[in-house]
């Protein structure tokens, strides 16, 4: 890779990181999907059942378990509870990774 290409990728990564992560934990979870997925991750952590995603004790298979696992990992890495920032962190990292590859 040329020096200009690496600089361009680094510039895109920095701008995208700022746009993705800036104040992402300051807003509450407000959409129905965002709240539901965070609650599923919270239940996974509380019950230690990381295989079957459940919402209020009912099995839900709307998203693959990997999404919920990544939310659980972000919650366990940040402060051991699901917060708006930890719920949005996997999506922001996916956006950043996609921007770098594109």
PDB file of N, CA and C in Angstrom:
ATOM      1  N   UNK A   1       0.829  -1.187   0.000  1.00  0.00           N
ATOM      2  CA  UNK A   1       0.000   0.000   0.000  1.00  0.00           C
ATOM      3  C   UNK A   1       0.868   1.244   0.000  1.00  0.00           C
ATOM      4  N   UNK A   2       0.382   2.244  -0.661  1.00  0.00           N
ATOM      5  CA  UNK A   2       1.091   3.511  -0.699  1.00  0.00           C
ATOM      6  C   UNK A   2       0.799   4.306   0.582  1.00  0.00           C
ATOM      7  N   UNK A   3       1.673   5.254   0.839  1.00  0.00           N
ATOM      8  CA  UNK A   3       1.517   6.088   2.030  1.00  0.00           C
ATOM      9  C   UNK A   3       0.222   6.889   1.986  1.00  0.00           C
ATOM     10  N   UNK A   4      -0.149   7.367   0.789  1.00  0.00           N
ATOM     11  CA  UNK A   4      -1.381   8.141   0.632  1.00  0.00           C
ATOM     12  C   UNK A   4      -2.612   7.299   0.915  1.00  0.00           C
ATOM     13  N   UNK A   5      -2.588   6.029   0.502  1.00  0.00           N
ATOM     14  CA  UNK A   5      -3.723   5.151   0.750  1.00  0.00           C
ATOM     15  C   UNK A   5      -3.899   4.890   2.239  1.00  0.00           C
ATOM     16  N   UNK A   6      -2.799   4.660   2.938  1.00  0.00           N
ATOM     17  CA  UNK A   6      -2.868   4.418   4.378  1.00  0.00           C
ATOM     18  C   UNK A   6      -3.363   5.669   5.099  1.00  0.00           C
ATOM     19  N   UNK A   7      -2.904   6.824   4.683  1.00  0.00           N
ATOM     20  CA  UNK A   7      -3.361   8.081   5.282  1.00  0.00           C
ATOM     21  C   UNK A   7      -4.848   8.296   5.025  1.00  0.00           C
ATOM     22  N   UNK A   8      -5.294   7.955   3.827  1.00  0.00           N
ATOM     23  CA  UNK A   8      -6.709   8.087   3.505  1.00  0.00           C
ATOM     24  C   UNK A   8      -7.569   7.158   4.340  1.00  0.00           C
ATOM     25  N   UNK A   9      -7.126   5.922   4.505  1.00  0.00           N
ATOM     26  CA  UNK A   9      -7.868   4.959   5.329  1.00  0.00           C
ATOM     27  C   UNK A   9      -7.902   5.422   6.779  1.00  0.00           C
ATOM     28  N   UNK A  10      -6.776   5.913   7.277  1.00  0.00           N
ATOM     29  CA  UNK A  10      -6.721   6.412   8.653  1.00  0.00           C
ATOM     30  C   UNK A  10      -7.642   7.615   8.834  1.00  0.00           C
ATOM     31  N   UNK A  11      -7.678   8.509   7.855  1.00  0.00           N
ATOM     32  CA  UNK A  11      -8.562   9.675   7.925  1.00  0.00           C
ATOM     33  C   UNK A  11     -10.026   9.250   7.963  1.00  0.00           C
ATOM     34  N   UNK A  12     -10.397   8.339   7.087  1.00  0.00           N
ATOM     35  CA  UNK A  12     -11.773   7.840   7.070  1.00  0.00           C
ATOM     36  C   UNK A  12     -12.118   7.164   8.392  1.00  0.00           C
ATOM     37  N   UNK A  13     -11.199   6.371   8.929  1.00  0.00           N
ATOM     38  CA  UNK A  13     -11.443   5.674  10.192  1.00  0.00           C
ATOM     39  C   UNK A  13     -11.653   6.656  11.342  1.00  0.00           C
ATOM     40  N   UNK A  14     -10.848   7.708  11.381  1.00  0.00           N
ATOM     41  CA  UNK A  14     -10.979   8.691  12.454  1.00  0.00           C
ATOM     42  C   UNK A  14     -12.301   9.449  12.343  1.00  0.00           C
ATOM     43  N   UNK A  15     -12.646   9.902  11.162  1.00  0.00           N
ATOM     44  CA  UNK A  15     -13.917  10.626  10.967  1.00  0.00           C
ATOM     45  C   UNK A  15     -15.093   9.720  11.291  1.00  0.00           C
ATOM     46  N   UNK A  16     -15.055   8.498  10.801  1.00  0.00           N
ATOM     47  CA  UNK A  16     -16.148   7.558  11.044  1.00  0.00           C
ATOM     48  C   UNK A  16     -16.256   7.220  12.529  1.00  0.00           C
ATOM     49  N   UNK A  17     -15.132   7.072  13.211  1.00  0.00           N
ATOM     50  CA  UNK A  17     -15.154   6.779  14.646  1.00  0.00           C
ATOM     51  C   UNK A  17     -15.779   7.939  15.416  1.00  0.00           C
ATOM     52  N   UNK A  18     -15.421   9.147  15.023  1.00  0.00           N
ATOM     53  CA  UNK A  18     -16.017  10.309  15.688  1.00  0.00           C
ATOM     54  C   UNK A  18     -17.526  10.323  15.474  1.00  0.00           C
ATOM     55  N   UNK A  19     -17.953  10.093  14.253  1.00  0.00           N
ATOM     56  CA  UNK A  19     -19.390  10.097  13.960  1.00  0.00           C
ATOM     57  C   UNK A  19     -20.129   8.946  14.639  1.00  0.00           C
ATOM     58  N   UNK A  20     -19.485   7.808  14.777  1.00  0.00           N
ATOM     59  CA  UNK A  20     -20.144   6.632  15.353  1.00  0.00           C
ATOM     60  C   UNK A  20     -20.165   6.650  16.876  1.00  0.00           C
ATOM     61  N   UNK A  21     -19.090   7.114  17.487  1.00  0.00           N
ATOM     62  CA  UNK A  21     -18.966   6.983  18.932  1.00  0.00           C
ATOM     63  C   UNK A  21     -19.278   8.250  19.720  1.00  0.00           C
ATOM     64  N   UNK A  22     -19.258   9.397  19.087  1.00  0.00           N
ATOM     65  CA  UNK A  22     -19.454  10.644  19.811  1.00  0.00           C
ATOM     66  C   UNK A  22     -20.832  10.692  20.456  1.00  0.00           C
ATOM     67  N   UNK A  23     -20.842  10.757  21.750  1.00  0.00           N
ATOM     68  CA  UNK A  23     -22.066  10.869  22.565  1.00  0.00           C
ATOM     69  C   UNK A  23     -23.076   9.763  22.298  1.00  0.00           C
ATOM     70  N   UNK A  24     -22.614   8.596  21.894  1.00  0.00           N
ATOM     71  CA  UNK A  24     -23.563   7.505  21.637  1.00  0.00           C
ATOM     72  C   UNK A  24     -24.174   6.968  22.923  1.00  0.00           C
ATOM     73  N   UNK A  25     -23.559   7.223  24.065  1.00  0.00           N
ATOM     74  CA  UNK A  25     -24.116   6.778  25.333  1.00  0.00           C
ATOM     75  C   UNK A  25     -24.958   7.821  26.033  1.00  0.00           C
ATOM     76  N   UNK A  26     -25.012   9.035  25.479  1.00  0.00           N
ATOM     77  CA  UNK A  26     -25.762  10.111  26.131  1.00  0.00           C
ATOM     78  C   UNK A  26     -27.266  10.034  25.880  1.00  0.00           C
ATOM     79  N   UNK A  27     -27.644   9.493  24.740  1.00  0.00           N
ATOM     80  CA  UNK A  27     -29.074   9.383  24.418  1.00  0.00           C
ATOM     81  C   UNK A  27     -29.625   8.082  24.986  1.00  0.00           C
ATOM     82  N   UNK A  28     -30.873   8.117  25.413  1.00  0.00           N
ATOM     83  CA  UNK A  28     -31.526   6.895  25.890  1.00  0.00           C
ATOM     84  C   UNK A  28     -31.864   5.990  24.716  1.00  0.00           C
ATOM     85  N   UNK A  29     -32.099   4.721  25.026  1.00  0.00           N
ATOM     86  CA  UNK A  29     -32.592   3.794  24.006  1.00  0.00           C
ATOM     87  C   UNK A  29     -34.059   4.140  23.785  1.00  0.00           C
ATOM     88  N   UNK A  30     -34.410   4.513  22.570  1.00  0.00           N
ATOM     89  CA  UNK A  30     -35.769   4.992  22.369  1.00  0.00           C
ATOM     90  C   UNK A  30     -36.554   4.206  21.336  1.00  0.00           C
ATOM     91  N   UNK A  31     -35.932   3.578  20.380  1.00  0.00           N
ATOM     92  CA  UNK A  31     -36.722   2.814  19.413  1.00  0.00           C
ATOM     93  C   UNK A  31     -37.071   1.447  20.002  1.00  0.00           C
ATOM     94  N   UNK A  32     -38.137   0.869  19.529  1.00  0.00           N
ATOM     95  CA  UNK A  32     -38.587  -0.420  20.070  1.00  0.00           C
ATOM     96  C   UNK A  32     -37.548  -1.512  19.852  1.00  0.00           C
ATOM     97  N   UNK A  33     -36.930  -1.554  18.691  1.00  0.00           N
ATOM     98  CA  UNK A  33     -35.947  -2.585  18.395  1.00  0.00           C
ATOM     99  C   UNK A  33     -34.692  -2.448  19.237  1.00  0.00           C
ATOM    100  N   UNK A  34     -34.230  -1.231  19.409  1.00  0.00           N
ATOM    101  CA  UNK A  34     -33.018  -0.984  20.183  1.00  0.00           C
ATOM    102  C   UNK A  34     -33.223  -1.378  21.646  1.00  0.00           C
ATOM    103  N   UNK A  35     -34.367  -1.031  22.190  1.00  0.00           N
ATOM    104  CA  UNK A  35     -34.675  -1.367  23.576  1.00  0.00           C
ATOM    105  C   UNK A  35     -34.842  -2.870  23.759  1.00  0.00           C
ATOM    106  N   UNK A  36     -35.524  -3.508  22.828  1.00  0.00           N
ATOM    107  CA  UNK A  36     -35.748  -4.951  22.919  1.00  0.00           C
ATOM    108  C   UNK A  36     -34.434  -5.716  22.868  1.00  0.00           C
ATOM    109  N   UNK A  37     -33.553  -5.363  21.944  1.00  0.00           N
ATOM    110  CA  UNK A  37     -32.285  -6.073  21.822  1.00  0.00           C
ATOM    111  C   UNK A  37     -31.412  -5.872  23.059  1.00  0.00           C
ATOM    112  N   UNK A  38     -31.439  -4.677  23.644  1.00  0.00           N
ATOM    113  CA  UNK A  38     -30.677  -4.428  24.872  1.00  0.00           C
ATOM    114  C   UNK A  38     -31.251  -5.239  26.030  1.00  0.00           C
ATOM    115  N   UNK A  39     -32.558  -5.368  26.082  1.00  0.00           N
ATOM    116  CA  UNK A  39     -33.183  -6.164  27.148  1.00  0.00           C
ATOM    117  C   UNK A  39     -32.848  -7.644  27.001  1.00  0.00           C
ATOM    118  N   UNK A  40     -32.777  -8.137  25.778  1.00  0.00           N
ATOM    119  CA  UNK A  40     -32.394  -9.532  25.550  1.00  0.00           C
ATOM    120  C   UNK A  40     -30.967  -9.768  26.055  1.00  0.00           C
ATOM    121  N   UNK A  41     -30.055  -8.841  25.748  1.00  0.00           N
ATOM    122  CA  UNK A  41     -28.680  -8.971  26.235  1.00  0.00           C
ATOM    123  C   UNK A  41     -28.634  -8.908  27.752  1.00  0.00           C
ATOM    124  N   UNK A  42     -29.444  -8.044  28.339  1.00  0.00           N
ATOM    125  CA  UNK A  42     -29.504  -7.936  29.805  1.00  0.00           C
ATOM    126  C   UNK A  42     -29.979  -9.245  30.426  1.00  0.00           C
ATOM    127  N   UNK A  43     -31.018  -9.847  29.828  1.00  0.00           N
ATOM    128  CA  UNK A  43     -31.517 -11.132  30.332  1.00  0.00           C
ATOM    129  C   UNK A  43     -30.479 -12.237  30.168  1.00  0.00           C
ATOM    130  N   UNK A  44     -29.716 -12.203  29.073  1.00  0.00           N
ATOM    131  CA  UNK A  44     -28.666 -13.208  28.877  1.00  0.00           C
ATOM    132  C   UNK A  44     -27.621 -13.111  29.989  1.00  0.00           C
ATOM    133  N   UNK A  45     -27.248 -11.890  30.344  1.00  0.00           N
ATOM    134  CA  UNK A  45     -26.245 -11.704  31.393  1.00  0.00           C
ATOM    135  C   UNK A  45     -26.802 -12.127  32.747  1.00  0.00           C
ATOM    136  N   UNK A  46     -28.042 -11.749  33.032  1.00  0.00           N
ATOM    137  CA  UNK A  46     -28.629 -12.062  34.336  1.00  0.00           C
ATOM    138  C   UNK A  46     -28.843 -13.556  34.533  1.00  0.00           C
ATOM    139  N   UNK A  47     -29.325 -14.245  33.491  1.00  0.00           N
ATOM    140  CA  UNK A  47     -29.636 -15.668  33.627  1.00  0.00           C
ATOM    141  C   UNK A  47     -28.465 -16.571  33.273  1.00  0.00           C
ATOM    142  N   UNK A  48     -27.394 -15.990  32.718  1.00  0.00           N
ATOM    143  CA  UNK A  48     -26.219 -16.756  32.259  1.00  0.00           C
ATOM    144  C   UNK A  48     -26.580 -17.756  31.163  1.00  0.00           C
ATOM    145  N   UNK A  49     -27.664 -17.507  30.456  1.00  0.00           N
ATOM    146  CA  UNK A  49     -28.092 -18.343  29.332  1.00  0.00           C
ATOM    147  C   UNK A  49     -27.723 -17.607  28.049  1.00  0.00           C
ATOM    148  N   UNK A  50     -26.567 -17.941  27.492  1.00  0.00           N
ATOM    149  CA  UNK A  50     -26.077 -17.256  26.312  1.00  0.00           C
ATOM    150  C   UNK A  50     -26.404 -17.996  25.016  1.00  0.00           C
ATOM    151  N   UNK A  51     -27.185 -19.048  25.108  1.00  0.00           N
ATOM    152  CA  UNK A  51     -27.503 -19.845  23.920  1.00  0.00           C
ATOM    153  C   UNK A  51     -28.826 -19.405  23.296  1.00  0.00           C
ATOM    154  N   UNK A  52     -29.858 -19.272  24.118  1.00  0.00           N
ATOM    155  CA  UNK A  52     -31.203 -18.981  23.616  1.00  0.00           C
ATOM    156  C   UNK A  52     -31.563 -17.533  23.953  1.00  0.00           C
ATOM    157  N   UNK A  53     -31.738 -16.674  22.942  1.00  0.00           N
ATOM    158  CA  UNK A  53     -32.146 -15.293  23.233  1.00  0.00           C
ATOM    159  C   UNK A  53     -33.615 -15.245  23.646  1.00  0.00           C
ATOM    160  N   UNK A  54     -33.866 -14.674  24.822  1.00  0.00           N
ATOM    161  CA  UNK A  54     -35.238 -14.573  25.335  1.00  0.00           C
ATOM    162  C   UNK A  54     -35.540 -13.136  25.706  1.00  0.00           C
ATOM    163  N   UNK A  55     -36.802 -12.759  25.493  1.00  0.00           N
ATOM    164  CA  UNK A  55     -37.306 -11.453  25.878  1.00  0.00           C
ATOM    165  C   UNK A  55     -38.521 -11.684  26.756  1.00  0.00           C
ATOM    166  N   UNK A  56     -38.435 -11.272  28.015  1.00  0.00           N
ATOM    167  CA  UNK A  56     -39.475 -11.546  29.007  1.00  0.00           C
ATOM    168  C   UNK A  56     -39.781 -13.040  29.094  1.00  0.00           C
ATOM    169  N   UNK A  57     -38.751 -13.847  29.019  1.00  0.00           N
ATOM    170  CA  UNK A  57     -38.900 -15.286  29.131  1.00  0.00           C
ATOM    171  C   UNK A  57     -39.379 -15.982  27.872  1.00  0.00           C
ATOM    172  N   UNK A  58     -39.632 -15.241  26.811  1.00  0.00           N
ATOM    173  CA  UNK A  58     -40.156 -15.809  25.557  1.00  0.00           C
ATOM    174  C   UNK A  58     -39.037 -15.847  24.508  1.00  0.00           C
ATOM    175  N   UNK A  59     -38.900 -16.974  23.819  1.00  0.00           N
ATOM    176  CA  UNK A  59     -37.854 -17.151  22.810  1.00  0.00           C
ATOM    177  C   UNK A  59     -38.090 -16.225  21.628  1.00  0.00           C
ATOM    178  N   UNK A  60     -37.047 -15.499  21.250  1.00  0.00           N
ATOM    179  CA  UNK A  60     -37.097 -14.614  20.090  1.00  0.00           C
ATOM    180  C   UNK A  60     -35.918 -14.920  19.194  1.00  0.00           C
ATOM    181  N   UNK A  61     -36.169 -15.071  17.930  1.00  0.00           N
ATOM    182  CA  UNK A  61     -35.089 -15.364  16.984  1.00  0.00           C
ATOM    183  C   UNK A  61     -35.072 -14.349  15.860  1.00  0.00           C
ATOM    184  N   UNK A  62     -35.269 -13.065  16.182  1.00  0.00           N
ATOM    185  CA  UNK A  62     -35.289 -12.041  15.149  1.00  0.00           C
ATOM    186  C   UNK A  62     -33.901 -11.706  14.649  1.00  0.00           C
ATOM    187  N   UNK A  63     -32.937 -11.787  15.528  1.00  0.00           N
ATOM    188  CA  UNK A  63     -31.544 -11.513  15.138  1.00  0.00           C
ATOM    189  C   UNK A  63     -30.715 -12.729  15.490  1.00  0.00           C
ATOM    190  N   UNK A  64     -29.615 -12.926  14.811  1.00  0.00           N
ATOM    191  CA  UNK A  64     -28.753 -14.050  15.160  1.00  0.00           C
ATOM    192  C   UNK A  64     -28.146 -13.854  16.548  1.00  0.00           C
ATOM    193  N   UNK A  65     -27.863 -14.946  17.267  1.00  0.00           N
ATOM    194  CA  UNK A  65     -27.319 -14.810  18.620  1.00  0.00           C
ATOM    195  C   UNK A  65     -25.996 -14.062  18.673  1.00  0.00           C
ATOM    196  N   UNK A  66     -25.239 -14.040  17.588  1.00  0.00           N
ATOM    197  CA  UNK A  66     -23.961 -13.340  17.600  1.00  0.00           C
ATOM    198  C   UNK A  66     -24.144 -11.861  17.932  1.00  0.00           C
ATOM    199  N   UNK A  67     -25.234 -11.257  17.485  1.00  0.00           N
ATOM    200  CA  UNK A  67     -25.505  -9.859  17.798  1.00  0.00           C
ATOM    201  C   UNK A  67     -25.683  -9.685  19.304  1.00  0.00           C
ATOM    202  N   UNK A  68     -26.448 -10.564  19.916  1.00  0.00           N
ATOM    203  CA  UNK A  68     -26.681 -10.482  21.359  1.00  0.00           C
ATOM    204  C   UNK A  68     -25.406 -10.797  22.135  1.00  0.00           C
ATOM    205  N   UNK A  69     -24.624 -11.727  21.642  1.00  0.00           N
ATOM    206  CA  UNK A  69     -23.348 -12.048  22.299  1.00  0.00           C
ATOM    207  C   UNK A  69     -22.421 -10.838  22.261  1.00  0.00           C
ATOM    208  N   UNK A  70     -22.411 -10.132  21.133  1.00  0.00           N
ATOM    209  CA  UNK A  70     -21.542  -8.960  21.043  1.00  0.00           C
ATOM    210  C   UNK A  70     -22.030  -7.853  21.981  1.00  0.00           C
ATOM    211  N   UNK A  71     -23.350  -7.711  22.141  1.00  0.00           N
ATOM    212  CA  UNK A  71     -23.875  -6.753  23.112  1.00  0.00           C
ATOM    213  C   UNK A  71     -23.506  -7.157  24.533  1.00  0.00           C
ATOM    214  N   UNK A  72     -23.579  -8.445  24.838  1.00  0.00           N
ATOM    215  CA  UNK A  72     -23.190  -8.939  26.169  1.00  0.00           C
ATOM    216  C   UNK A  72     -21.708  -8.697  26.416  1.00  0.00           C
ATOM    217  N   UNK A  73     -20.878  -8.958  25.424  1.00  0.00           N
ATOM    218  CA  UNK A  73     -19.437  -8.737  25.569  1.00  0.00           C
ATOM    219  C   UNK A  73     -19.142  -7.258  25.793  1.00  0.00           C
ATOM    220  N   UNK A  74     -19.825  -6.387  25.072  1.00  0.00           N
ATOM    221  CA  UNK A  74     -19.620  -4.948  25.258  1.00  0.00           C
ATOM    222  C   UNK A  74     -20.068  -4.519  26.654  1.00  0.00           C
ATOM    223  N   UNK A  75     -21.176  -5.084  27.120  1.00  0.00           N
ATOM    224  CA  UNK A  75     -21.653  -4.743  28.468  1.00  0.00           C
ATOM    225  C   UNK A  75     -20.680  -5.240  29.531  1.00  0.00           C
ATOM    226  N   UNK A  76     -20.165  -6.441  29.358  1.00  0.00           N
ATOM    227  CA  UNK A  76     -19.226  -6.984  30.336  1.00  0.00           C
ATOM    228  C   UNK A  76     -17.894  -6.246  30.305  1.00  0.00           C
ATOM    229  N   UNK A  77     -17.498  -5.724  29.150  1.00  0.00           N
ATOM    230  CA  UNK A  77     -16.251  -4.968  29.045  1.00  0.00           C
ATOM    231  C   UNK A  77     -16.379  -3.552  29.603  1.00  0.00           C
ATOM    232  N   UNK A  78     -17.545  -2.940  29.428  1.00  0.00           N
ATOM    233  CA  UNK A  78     -17.689  -1.554  29.845  1.00  0.00           C
ATOM    234  C   UNK A  78     -17.947  -1.436  31.339  1.00  0.00           C
ATOM    235  N   UNK A  79     -19.052  -1.951  31.831  1.00  0.00           N
ATOM    236  CA  UNK A  79     -19.337  -1.804  33.261  1.00  0.00           C
ATOM    237  C   UNK A  79     -20.236  -2.911  33.819  1.00  0.00           C
ATOM    238  N   UNK A  80     -20.284  -4.019  33.159  1.00  0.00           N
ATOM    239  CA  UNK A  80     -21.014  -5.214  33.593  1.00  0.00           C
ATOM    240  C   UNK A  80     -22.543  -5.061  33.583  1.00  0.00           C
ATOM    241  N   UNK A  81     -23.041  -3.965  33.024  1.00  0.00           N
ATOM    242  CA  UNK A  81     -24.477  -3.804  32.825  1.00  0.00           C
ATOM    243  C   UNK A  81     -24.716  -3.268  31.421  1.00  0.00           C
ATOM    244  N   UNK A  82     -25.911  -3.479  30.927  1.00  0.00           N
ATOM    245  CA  UNK A  82     -26.261  -2.995  29.589  1.00  0.00           C
ATOM    246  C   UNK A  82     -26.654  -1.524  29.705  1.00  0.00           C
ATOM    247  N   UNK A  83     -25.921  -0.689  29.027  1.00  0.00           N
ATOM    248  CA  UNK A  83     -26.194   0.749  28.985  1.00  0.00           C
ATOM    249  C   UNK A  83     -26.441   1.144  27.529  1.00  0.00           C
ATOM    250  N   UNK A  84     -26.922   2.354  27.288  1.00  0.00           N
ATOM    251  CA  UNK A  84     -27.077   2.770  25.892  1.00  0.00           C
ATOM    252  C   UNK A  84     -25.772   2.700  25.105  1.00  0.00           C
ATOM    253  N   UNK A  85     -24.644   3.041  25.737  1.00  0.00           N
ATOM    254  CA  UNK A  85     -23.362   2.975  25.033  1.00  0.00           C
ATOM    255  C   UNK A  85     -22.988   1.532  24.707  1.00  0.00           C
ATOM    256  N   UNK A  86     -23.118   0.622  25.685  1.00  0.00           N
ATOM    257  CA  UNK A  86     -22.737  -0.771  25.435  1.00  0.00           C
ATOM    258  C   UNK A  86     -23.688  -1.442  24.453  1.00  0.00           C
ATOM    259  N   UNK A  87     -24.939  -0.989  24.400  1.00  0.00           N
ATOM    260  CA  UNK A  87     -25.887  -1.552  23.438  1.00  0.00           C
ATOM    261  C   UNK A  87     -25.572  -1.099  22.014  1.00  0.00           C
ATOM    262  N   UNK A  88     -25.028   0.106  21.884  1.00  0.00           N
ATOM    263  CA  UNK A  88     -24.721   0.637  20.554  1.00  0.00           C
ATOM    264  C   UNK A  88     -23.297   0.337  20.093  1.00  0.00           C
ATOM    265  N   UNK A  89     -22.426  -0.066  21.000  1.00  0.00           N
ATOM    266  CA  UNK A  89     -21.025  -0.297  20.669  1.00  0.00           C
ATOM    267  C   UNK A  89     -20.807  -1.340  19.564  1.00  0.00           C
ATOM    268  N   UNK A  90     -21.466  -2.515  19.598  1.00  0.00           N
ATOM    269  CA  UNK A  90     -21.243  -3.484  18.508  1.00  0.00           C
ATOM    270  C   UNK A  90     -21.634  -2.937  17.130  1.00  0.00           C
ATOM    271  N   UNK A  91     -22.728  -2.213  17.063  1.00  0.00           N
ATOM    272  CA  UNK A  91     -23.140  -1.642  15.774  1.00  0.00           C
ATOM    273  C   UNK A  91     -22.151  -0.593  15.296  1.00  0.00           C
ATOM    274  N   UNK A  92     -21.683   0.250  16.210  1.00  0.00           N
ATOM    275  CA  UNK A  92     -20.718   1.281  15.834  1.00  0.00           C
ATOM    276  C   UNK A  92     -19.410   0.656  15.352  1.00  0.00           C
ATOM    277  N   UNK A  93     -18.966  -0.405  16.014  1.00  0.00           N
ATOM    278  CA  UNK A  93     -17.751  -1.089  15.572  1.00  0.00           C
ATOM    279  C   UNK A  93     -17.947  -1.752  14.217  1.00  0.00           C
ATOM    280  N   UNK A  94     -19.129  -2.275  13.967  1.00  0.00           N
ATOM    281  CA  UNK A  94     -19.422  -2.869  12.656  1.00  0.00           C
ATOM    282  C   UNK A  94     -19.414  -1.803  11.568  1.00  0.00           C
ATOM    283  N   UNK A  95     -19.995  -0.632  11.862  1.00  0.00           N
ATOM    284  CA  UNK A  95     -19.984   0.462  10.889  1.00  0.00           C
ATOM    285  C   UNK A  95     -18.556   0.882  10.584  1.00  0.00           C
ATOM    286  N   UNK A  96     -17.748   1.003  11.638  1.00  0.00           N
ATOM    287  CA  UNK A  96     -16.351   1.410  11.462  1.00  0.00           C
ATOM    288  C   UNK A  96     -15.592   0.397  10.635  1.00  0.00           C
ATOM    289  N   UNK A  97     -15.766  -0.887  10.926  1.00  0.00           N
ATOM    290  CA  UNK A  97     -15.088  -1.946  10.166  1.00  0.00           C
ATOM    291  C   UNK A  97     -15.517  -1.914   8.701  1.00  0.00           C
ATOM    292  N   UNK A  98     -16.809  -1.749   8.471  1.00  0.00           N
ATOM    293  CA  UNK A  98     -17.303  -1.669   7.095  1.00  0.00           C
ATOM    294  C   UNK A  98     -16.746  -0.477   6.349  1.00  0.00           C
ATOM    295  N   UNK A  99     -16.652   0.660   7.020  1.00  0.00           N
ATOM    296  CA  UNK A  99     -16.110   1.868   6.367  1.00  0.00           C
ATOM    297  C   UNK A  99     -14.642   1.667   6.000  1.00  0.00           C
ATOM    298  N   UNK A 100     -13.897   1.029   6.878  1.00  0.00           N
ATOM    299  CA  UNK A 100     -12.473   0.795   6.579  1.00  0.00           C
ATOM    300  C   UNK A 100     -12.313  -0.151   5.384  1.00  0.00           C
ATOM    301  N   UNK A 101     -13.123  -1.222   5.339  1.00  0.00           N
ATOM    302  CA  UNK A 101     -13.004  -2.159   4.233  1.00  0.00           C
ATOM    303  C   UNK A 101     -13.475  -1.578   2.921  1.00  0.00           C
ATOM    304  N   UNK A 102     -14.479  -0.747   2.963  1.00  0.00           N
ATOM    305  CA  UNK A 102     -14.983  -0.129   1.728  1.00  0.00           C
ATOM    306  C   UNK A 102     -13.962   0.854   1.209  1.00  0.00           C
TER     307      UNK A 102
END
